[in-house]
Structure formats: C-alpha cells, structure tokens
Amino acid sequence: MMKKPQHTNFDRVMTLDEAALVMRRSKKTLWRLWAKEKAFPKPILIKGRAIGWRESTINKFLDTGEVES
C-alpha cells in the first residue's frame, strides 16, 4: 500500500511587482516605505540580488498594519 504524500504549508515569496499589486502602491512607494520610513516589512534576499516578501508577512501586514522587527 502506498503512503499518501504529506503536504506542507508552502509560504511562497512575492516579488516586488506582486507585492505592489497586492498593496495597490507603486514599487517606488513600497521601496520608500521599507528603506527610508521602516513602515513596511523587511524583504528577504533571493539569489544574492533579488528581493521578495513571504506571502504570510504581507498578509499579516495587511491585517494588522504592524511591521515585524
């Protein structure tokens, strides 16, 4: 009898374009909110140069408006 595969919760990484679309803000605005005002969650580094945000982080920010430290 074959075992059913276990499903893990996958927290996908959203690109700057996707985050801007979900937040309904420009990429430039999101960058300013994060880099200068510290009013947006810190992105994670992907493959050295690209950045993104975990979908759960964006959803939590949308729900609470709080930035995780």
PDB file of N, CA and C in Angstrom:
ATOM      1  N   MET A   1       0.837  -1.171   0.000  1.00  0.00           N
ATOM      2  CA  MET A   1       0.000   0.000   0.000  1.00  0.00           C
ATOM      3  C   MET A   1       0.893   1.250   0.000  1.00  0.00           C
ATOM      4  N   MET A   2       0.574   2.209  -0.874  1.00  0.00           N
ATOM      5  CA  MET A   2       1.367   3.436  -0.967  1.00  0.00           C
ATOM      6  C   MET A   2       0.933   4.443   0.080  1.00  0.00           C
ATOM      7  N   LYS A   3       1.919   5.126   0.622  1.00  0.00           N
ATOM      8  CA  LYS A   3       1.629   6.202   1.573  1.00  0.00           C
ATOM      9  C   LYS A   3       1.175   7.438   0.813  1.00  0.00           C
ATOM     10  N   LYS A   4       0.239   8.146   1.403  1.00  0.00           N
ATOM     11  CA  LYS A   4      -0.157   9.425   0.824  1.00  0.00           C
ATOM     12  C   LYS A   4       0.954  10.433   1.108  1.00  0.00           C
ATOM     13  N   PRO A   5       1.272  11.266   0.125  1.00  0.00           N
ATOM     14  CA  PRO A   5       2.309  12.267   0.388  1.00  0.00           C
ATOM     15  C   PRO A   5       1.832  13.282   1.409  1.00  0.00           C
ATOM     16  N   GLN A   6       2.741  13.680   2.273  1.00  0.00           N
ATOM     17  CA  GLN A   6       2.401  14.707   3.253  1.00  0.00           C
ATOM     18  C   GLN A   6       2.518  16.072   2.598  1.00  0.00           C
ATOM     19  N   HIS A   7       1.524  16.872   2.826  1.00  0.00           N
ATOM     20  CA  HIS A   7       1.535  18.221   2.271  1.00  0.00           C
ATOM     21  C   HIS A   7       2.075  19.170   3.326  1.00  0.00           C
ATOM     22  N   THR A   8       2.975  20.009   2.890  1.00  0.00           N
ATOM     23  CA  THR A   8       3.497  21.015   3.797  1.00  0.00           C
ATOM     24  C   THR A   8       2.921  22.367   3.400  1.00  0.00           C
ATOM     25  N   ASN A   9       2.816  23.232   4.351  1.00  0.00           N
ATOM     26  CA  ASN A   9       2.358  24.583   4.052  1.00  0.00           C
ATOM     27  C   ASN A   9       3.490  25.311   3.356  1.00  0.00           C
ATOM     28  N   PHE A  10       3.212  25.802   2.185  1.00  0.00           N
ATOM     29  CA  PHE A  10       4.219  26.495   1.396  1.00  0.00           C
ATOM     30  C   PHE A  10       3.962  27.986   1.478  1.00  0.00           C
ATOM     31  N   ASP A  11       4.926  28.709   1.959  1.00  0.00           N
ATOM     32  CA  ASP A  11       4.822  30.162   2.089  1.00  0.00           C
ATOM     33  C   ASP A  11       5.592  30.775   0.928  1.00  0.00           C
ATOM     34  N   ARG A  12       4.897  31.031  -0.154  1.00  0.00           N
ATOM     35  CA  ARG A  12       5.586  31.496  -1.354  1.00  0.00           C
ATOM     36  C   ARG A  12       6.160  32.894  -1.162  1.00  0.00           C
ATOM     37  N   VAL A  13       7.134  33.210  -1.976  1.00  0.00           N
ATOM     38  CA  VAL A  13       7.784  34.511  -1.925  1.00  0.00           C
ATOM     39  C   VAL A  13       7.195  35.381  -3.029  1.00  0.00           C
ATOM     40  N   MET A  14       6.758  36.556  -2.645  1.00  0.00           N
ATOM     41  CA  MET A  14       6.185  37.508  -3.596  1.00  0.00           C
ATOM     42  C   MET A  14       7.274  38.464  -4.064  1.00  0.00           C
ATOM     43  N   THR A  15       7.278  38.752  -5.347  1.00  0.00           N
ATOM     44  CA  THR A  15       8.219  39.714  -5.903  1.00  0.00           C
ATOM     45  C   THR A  15       7.763  41.132  -5.555  1.00  0.00           C
ATOM     46  N   LEU A  16       8.612  42.093  -5.822  1.00  0.00           N
ATOM     47  CA  LEU A  16       8.258  43.499  -5.611  1.00  0.00           C
ATOM     48  C   LEU A  16       7.038  43.859  -6.456  1.00  0.00           C
ATOM     49  N   ASP A  17       6.985  43.366  -7.701  1.00  0.00           N
ATOM     50  CA  ASP A  17       5.833  43.632  -8.569  1.00  0.00           C
ATOM     51  C   ASP A  17       4.542  43.089  -7.967  1.00  0.00           C
ATOM     52  N   GLU A  18       4.601  41.844  -7.466  1.00  0.00           N
ATOM     53  CA  GLU A  18       3.413  41.228  -6.872  1.00  0.00           C
ATOM     54  C   GLU A  18       2.995  41.946  -5.595  1.00  0.00           C
ATOM     55  N   ALA A  19       3.957  42.289  -4.758  1.00  0.00           N
ATOM     56  CA  ALA A  19       3.648  42.996  -3.512  1.00  0.00           C
ATOM     57  C   ALA A  19       3.015  44.358  -3.810  1.00  0.00           C
ATOM     58  N   ALA A  20       3.547  45.056  -4.809  1.00  0.00           N
ATOM     59  CA  ALA A  20       2.993  46.362  -5.186  1.00  0.00           C
ATOM     60  C   ALA A  20       1.556  46.217  -5.674  1.00  0.00           C
ATOM     61  N   LEU A  21       1.297  45.163  -6.431  1.00  0.00           N
ATOM     62  CA  LEU A  21      -0.052  44.922  -6.939  1.00  0.00           C
ATOM     63  C   LEU A  21      -1.023  44.629  -5.789  1.00  0.00           C
ATOM     64  N   VAL A  22      -0.622  43.783  -4.870  1.00  0.00           N
ATOM     65  CA  VAL A  22      -1.473  43.436  -3.726  1.00  0.00           C
ATOM     66  C   VAL A  22      -1.701  44.647  -2.828  1.00  0.00           C
ATOM     67  N   MET A  23      -0.654  45.444  -2.621  1.00  0.00           N
ATOM     68  CA  MET A  23      -0.749  46.603  -1.737  1.00  0.00           C
ATOM     69  C   MET A  23      -1.408  47.811  -2.413  1.00  0.00           C
ATOM     70  N   ARG A  24      -1.540  47.733  -3.738  1.00  0.00           N
ATOM     71  CA  ARG A  24      -2.089  48.843  -4.536  1.00  0.00           C
ATOM     72  C   ARG A  24      -1.266  50.114  -4.362  1.00  0.00           C
ATOM     73  N   ARG A  25       0.036  49.909  -4.390  1.00  0.00           N
ATOM     74  CA  ARG A  25       1.006  51.005  -4.307  1.00  0.00           C
ATOM     75  C   ARG A  25       2.063  50.782  -5.376  1.00  0.00           C
ATOM     76  N   SER A  26       2.781  51.814  -5.723  1.00  0.00           N
ATOM     77  CA  SER A  26       3.854  51.657  -6.709  1.00  0.00           C
ATOM     78  C   SER A  26       5.048  50.960  -6.061  1.00  0.00           C
ATOM     79  N   LYS A  27       5.886  50.395  -6.905  1.00  0.00           N
ATOM     80  CA  LYS A  27       7.104  49.757  -6.408  1.00  0.00           C
ATOM     81  C   LYS A  27       7.974  50.776  -5.694  1.00  0.00           C
ATOM     82  N   LYS A  28       8.026  51.973  -6.225  1.00  0.00           N
ATOM     83  CA  LYS A  28       8.826  53.038  -5.624  1.00  0.00           C
ATOM     84  C   LYS A  28       8.311  53.380  -4.219  1.00  0.00           C
ATOM     85  N   THR A  29       6.997  53.422  -4.056  1.00  0.00           N
ATOM     86  CA  THR A  29       6.409  53.714  -2.751  1.00  0.00           C
ATOM     87  C   THR A  29       6.738  52.618  -1.746  1.00  0.00           C
ATOM     88  N   LEU A  30       6.605  51.341  -2.156  1.00  0.00           N
ATOM     89  CA  LEU A  30       6.942  50.245  -1.246  1.00  0.00           C
ATOM     90  C   LEU A  30       8.407  50.309  -0.847  1.00  0.00           C
ATOM     91  N   TRP A  31       9.266  50.589  -1.803  1.00  0.00           N
ATOM     92  CA  TRP A  31      10.696  50.688  -1.507  1.00  0.00           C
ATOM     93  C   TRP A  31      10.959  51.803  -0.493  1.00  0.00           C
ATOM     94  N   ARG A  32      10.316  52.950  -0.681  1.00  0.00           N
ATOM     95  CA  ARG A  32      10.492  54.075   0.243  1.00  0.00           C
ATOM     96  C   ARG A  32       9.971  53.725   1.633  1.00  0.00           C
ATOM     97  N   LEU A  33       8.800  53.098   1.682  1.00  0.00           N
ATOM     98  CA  LEU A  33       8.226  52.707   2.972  1.00  0.00           C
ATOM     99  C   LEU A  33       9.144  51.761   3.729  1.00  0.00           C
ATOM    100  N   TRP A  34       9.786  50.851   2.999  1.00  0.00           N
ATOM    101  CA  TRP A  34      10.683  49.898   3.660  1.00  0.00           C
ATOM    102  C   TRP A  34      12.039  50.540   3.980  1.00  0.00           C
ATOM    103  N   ALA A  35      12.698  51.110   3.001  1.00  0.00           N
ATOM    104  CA  ALA A  35      14.076  51.566   3.161  1.00  0.00           C
ATOM    105  C   ALA A  35      14.218  52.830   3.992  1.00  0.00           C
ATOM    106  N   LYS A  36      13.341  53.773   3.806  1.00  0.00           N
ATOM    107  CA  LYS A  36      13.503  55.067   4.483  1.00  0.00           C
ATOM    108  C   LYS A  36      12.642  55.204   5.732  1.00  0.00           C
ATOM    109  N   GLU A  37      11.392  54.795   5.628  1.00  0.00           N
ATOM    110  CA  GLU A  37      10.459  55.038   6.729  1.00  0.00           C
ATOM    111  C   GLU A  37      10.319  53.850   7.681  1.00  0.00           C
ATOM    112  N   LYS A  38      10.832  52.695   7.278  1.00  0.00           N
ATOM    113  CA  LYS A  38      10.747  51.469   8.094  1.00  0.00           C
ATOM    114  C   LYS A  38       9.295  51.156   8.465  1.00  0.00           C
ATOM    115  N   ALA A  39       8.371  51.472   7.542  1.00  0.00           N
ATOM    116  CA  ALA A  39       6.951  51.269   7.783  1.00  0.00           C
ATOM    117  C   ALA A  39       6.393  50.115   6.963  1.00  0.00           C
ATOM    118  N   PHE A  40       7.270  49.299   6.397  1.00  0.00           N
ATOM    119  CA  PHE A  40       6.869  48.145   5.608  1.00  0.00           C
ATOM    120  C   PHE A  40       7.826  47.010   5.952  1.00  0.00           C
ATOM    121  N   PRO A  41       7.354  45.763   5.957  1.00  0.00           N
ATOM    122  CA  PRO A  41       8.227  44.651   6.349  1.00  0.00           C
ATOM    123  C   PRO A  41       9.508  44.563   5.522  1.00  0.00           C
ATOM    124  N   LYS A  42      10.555  44.108   6.175  1.00  0.00           N
ATOM    125  CA  LYS A  42      11.851  43.934   5.522  1.00  0.00           C
ATOM    126  C   LYS A  42      11.771  42.771   4.532  1.00  0.00           C
ATOM    127  N   PRO A  43      12.270  42.950   3.317  1.00  0.00           N
ATOM    128  CA  PRO A  43      12.242  41.852   2.346  1.00  0.00           C
ATOM    129  C   PRO A  43      13.320  40.817   2.655  1.00  0.00           C
ATOM    130  N   ILE A  44      13.184  39.661   2.009  1.00  0.00           N
ATOM    131  CA  ILE A  44      14.223  38.651   2.106  1.00  0.00           C
ATOM    132  C   ILE A  44      15.028  38.669   0.815  1.00  0.00           C
ATOM    133  N   LEU A  45      16.268  38.287   0.909  1.00  0.00           N
ATOM    134  CA  LEU A  45      17.160  38.267  -0.237  1.00  0.00           C
ATOM    135  C   LEU A  45      17.026  36.933  -0.957  1.00  0.00           C
ATOM    136  N   ILE A  46      16.898  36.990  -2.280  1.00  0.00           N
ATOM    137  CA  ILE A  46      16.751  35.788  -3.093  1.00  0.00           C
ATOM    138  C   ILE A  46      17.889  35.749  -4.103  1.00  0.00           C
ATOM    139  N   LYS A  47      18.676  34.709  -4.067  1.00  0.00           N
ATOM    140  CA  LYS A  47      19.771  34.509  -5.023  1.00  0.00           C
ATOM    141  C   LYS A  47      20.712  35.704  -5.098  1.00  0.00           C
ATOM    142  N   GLY A  48      21.015  36.287  -3.993  1.00  0.00           N
ATOM    143  CA  GLY A  48      22.030  37.331  -3.954  1.00  0.00           C
ATOM    144  C   GLY A  48      21.580  38.748  -4.219  1.00  0.00           C
ATOM    145  N   ARG A  49      20.737  38.968  -5.226  1.00  0.00           N
ATOM    146  CA  ARG A  49      20.379  40.343  -5.575  1.00  0.00           C
ATOM    147  C   ARG A  49      18.888  40.637  -5.534  1.00  0.00           C
ATOM    148  N   ALA A  50      18.084  39.673  -5.878  1.00  0.00           N
ATOM    149  CA  ALA A  50      16.638  39.894  -5.927  1.00  0.00           C
ATOM    150  C   ALA A  50      16.072  39.906  -4.512  1.00  0.00           C
ATOM    151  N   ILE A  51      14.976  40.641  -4.339  1.00  0.00           N
ATOM    152  CA  ILE A  51      14.301  40.672  -3.042  1.00  0.00           C
ATOM    153  C   ILE A  51      12.858  40.227  -3.213  1.00  0.00           C
ATOM    154  N   GLY A  52      12.268  39.830  -2.113  1.00  0.00           N
ATOM    155  CA  GLY A  52      10.866  39.447  -2.113  1.00  0.00           C
ATOM    156  C   GLY A  52      10.360  39.410  -0.688  1.00  0.00           C
ATOM    157  N   TRP A  53       9.083  39.173  -0.545  1.00  0.00           N
ATOM    158  CA  TRP A  53       8.462  39.089   0.767  1.00  0.00           C
ATOM    159  C   TRP A  53       7.691  37.786   0.851  1.00  0.00           C
ATOM    160  N   ARG A  54       7.729  37.161   2.011  1.00  0.00           N
ATOM    161  CA  ARG A  54       6.902  35.972   2.209  1.00  0.00           C
ATOM    162  C   ARG A  54       5.438  36.416   2.172  1.00  0.00           C
ATOM    163  N   GLU A  55       4.623  35.614   1.527  1.00  0.00           N
ATOM    164  CA  GLU A  55       3.210  35.952   1.397  1.00  0.00           C
ATOM    165  C   GLU A  55       2.560  36.112   2.768  1.00  0.00           C
ATOM    166  N   SER A  56       2.960  35.282   3.728  1.00  0.00           N
ATOM    167  CA  SER A  56       2.390  35.376   5.072  1.00  0.00           C
ATOM    168  C   SER A  56       2.738  36.711   5.735  1.00  0.00           C
ATOM    169  N   THR A  57       3.929  37.227   5.452  1.00  0.00           N
ATOM    170  CA  THR A  57       4.347  38.519   6.010  1.00  0.00           C
ATOM    171  C   THR A  57       3.492  39.651   5.448  1.00  0.00           C
ATOM    172  N   ILE A  58       3.260  39.608   4.135  1.00  0.00           N
ATOM    173  CA  ILE A  58       2.421  40.638   3.505  1.00  0.00           C
ATOM    174  C   ILE A  58       0.994  40.550   4.043  1.00  0.00           C
ATOM    175  N   ASN A  59       0.461  39.327   4.149  1.00  0.00           N
ATOM    176  CA  ASN A  59      -0.904  39.159   4.664  1.00  0.00           C
ATOM    177  C   ASN A  59      -1.036  39.653   6.100  1.00  0.00           C
ATOM    178  N   LYS A  60      -0.034  39.360   6.924  1.00  0.00           N
ATOM    179  CA  LYS A  60      -0.066  39.829   8.310  1.00  0.00           C
ATOM    180  C   LYS A  60      -0.009  41.355   8.351  1.00  0.00           C
ATOM    181  N   PHE A  61       0.823  41.945   7.511  1.00  0.00           N
ATOM    182  CA  PHE A  61       0.926  43.404   7.446  1.00  0.00           C
ATOM    183  C   PHE A  61      -0.413  44.010   7.019  1.00  0.00           C
ATOM    184  N   LEU A  62      -1.068  43.398   6.048  1.00  0.00           N
ATOM    185  CA  LEU A  62      -2.377  43.896   5.593  1.00  0.00           C
ATOM    186  C   LEU A  62      -3.425  43.795   6.692  1.00  0.00           C
ATOM    187  N   ASP A  63      -3.349  42.725   7.480  1.00  0.00           N
ATOM    188  CA  ASP A  63      -4.324  42.513   8.555  1.00  0.00           C
ATOM    189  C   ASP A  63      -4.096  43.445   9.752  1.00  0.00           C
ATOM    190  N   THR A  64      -2.828  43.627  10.128  1.00  0.00           N
ATOM    191  CA  THR A  64      -2.533  44.357  11.355  1.00  0.00           C
ATOM    192  C   THR A  64      -1.900  45.725  11.137  1.00  0.00           C
ATOM    193  N   GLY A  65      -1.220  45.891   9.998  1.00  0.00           N
ATOM    194  CA  GLY A  65      -0.502  47.134   9.751  1.00  0.00           C
ATOM    195  C   GLY A  65       0.788  47.254  10.527  1.00  0.00           C
ATOM    196  N   GLU A  66       1.182  46.151  11.193  1.00  0.00           N
ATOM    197  CA  GLU A  66       2.395  46.181  12.009  1.00  0.00           C
ATOM    198  C   GLU A  66       3.573  45.599  11.243  1.00  0.00           C
ATOM    199  N   VAL A  67       4.719  46.187  11.458  1.00  0.00           N
ATOM    200  CA  VAL A  67       5.958  45.735  10.842  1.00  0.00           C
ATOM    201  C   VAL A  67       6.667  44.851  11.852  1.00  0.00           C
ATOM    202  N   GLU A  68       7.021  43.625  11.430  1.00  0.00           N
ATOM    203  CA  GLU A  68       7.766  42.731  12.308  1.00  0.00           C
ATOM    204  C   GLU A  68       9.199  43.210  12.416  1.00  0.00           C
ATOM    205  N   SER A  69       9.770  43.100  13.597  1.00  0.00           N
ATOM    206  CA  SER A  69      11.167  43.520  13.741  1.00  0.00           C
ATOM    207  C   SER A  69      12.097  42.347  13.682  1.00  0.00           C
TER     208      SER A  69
END
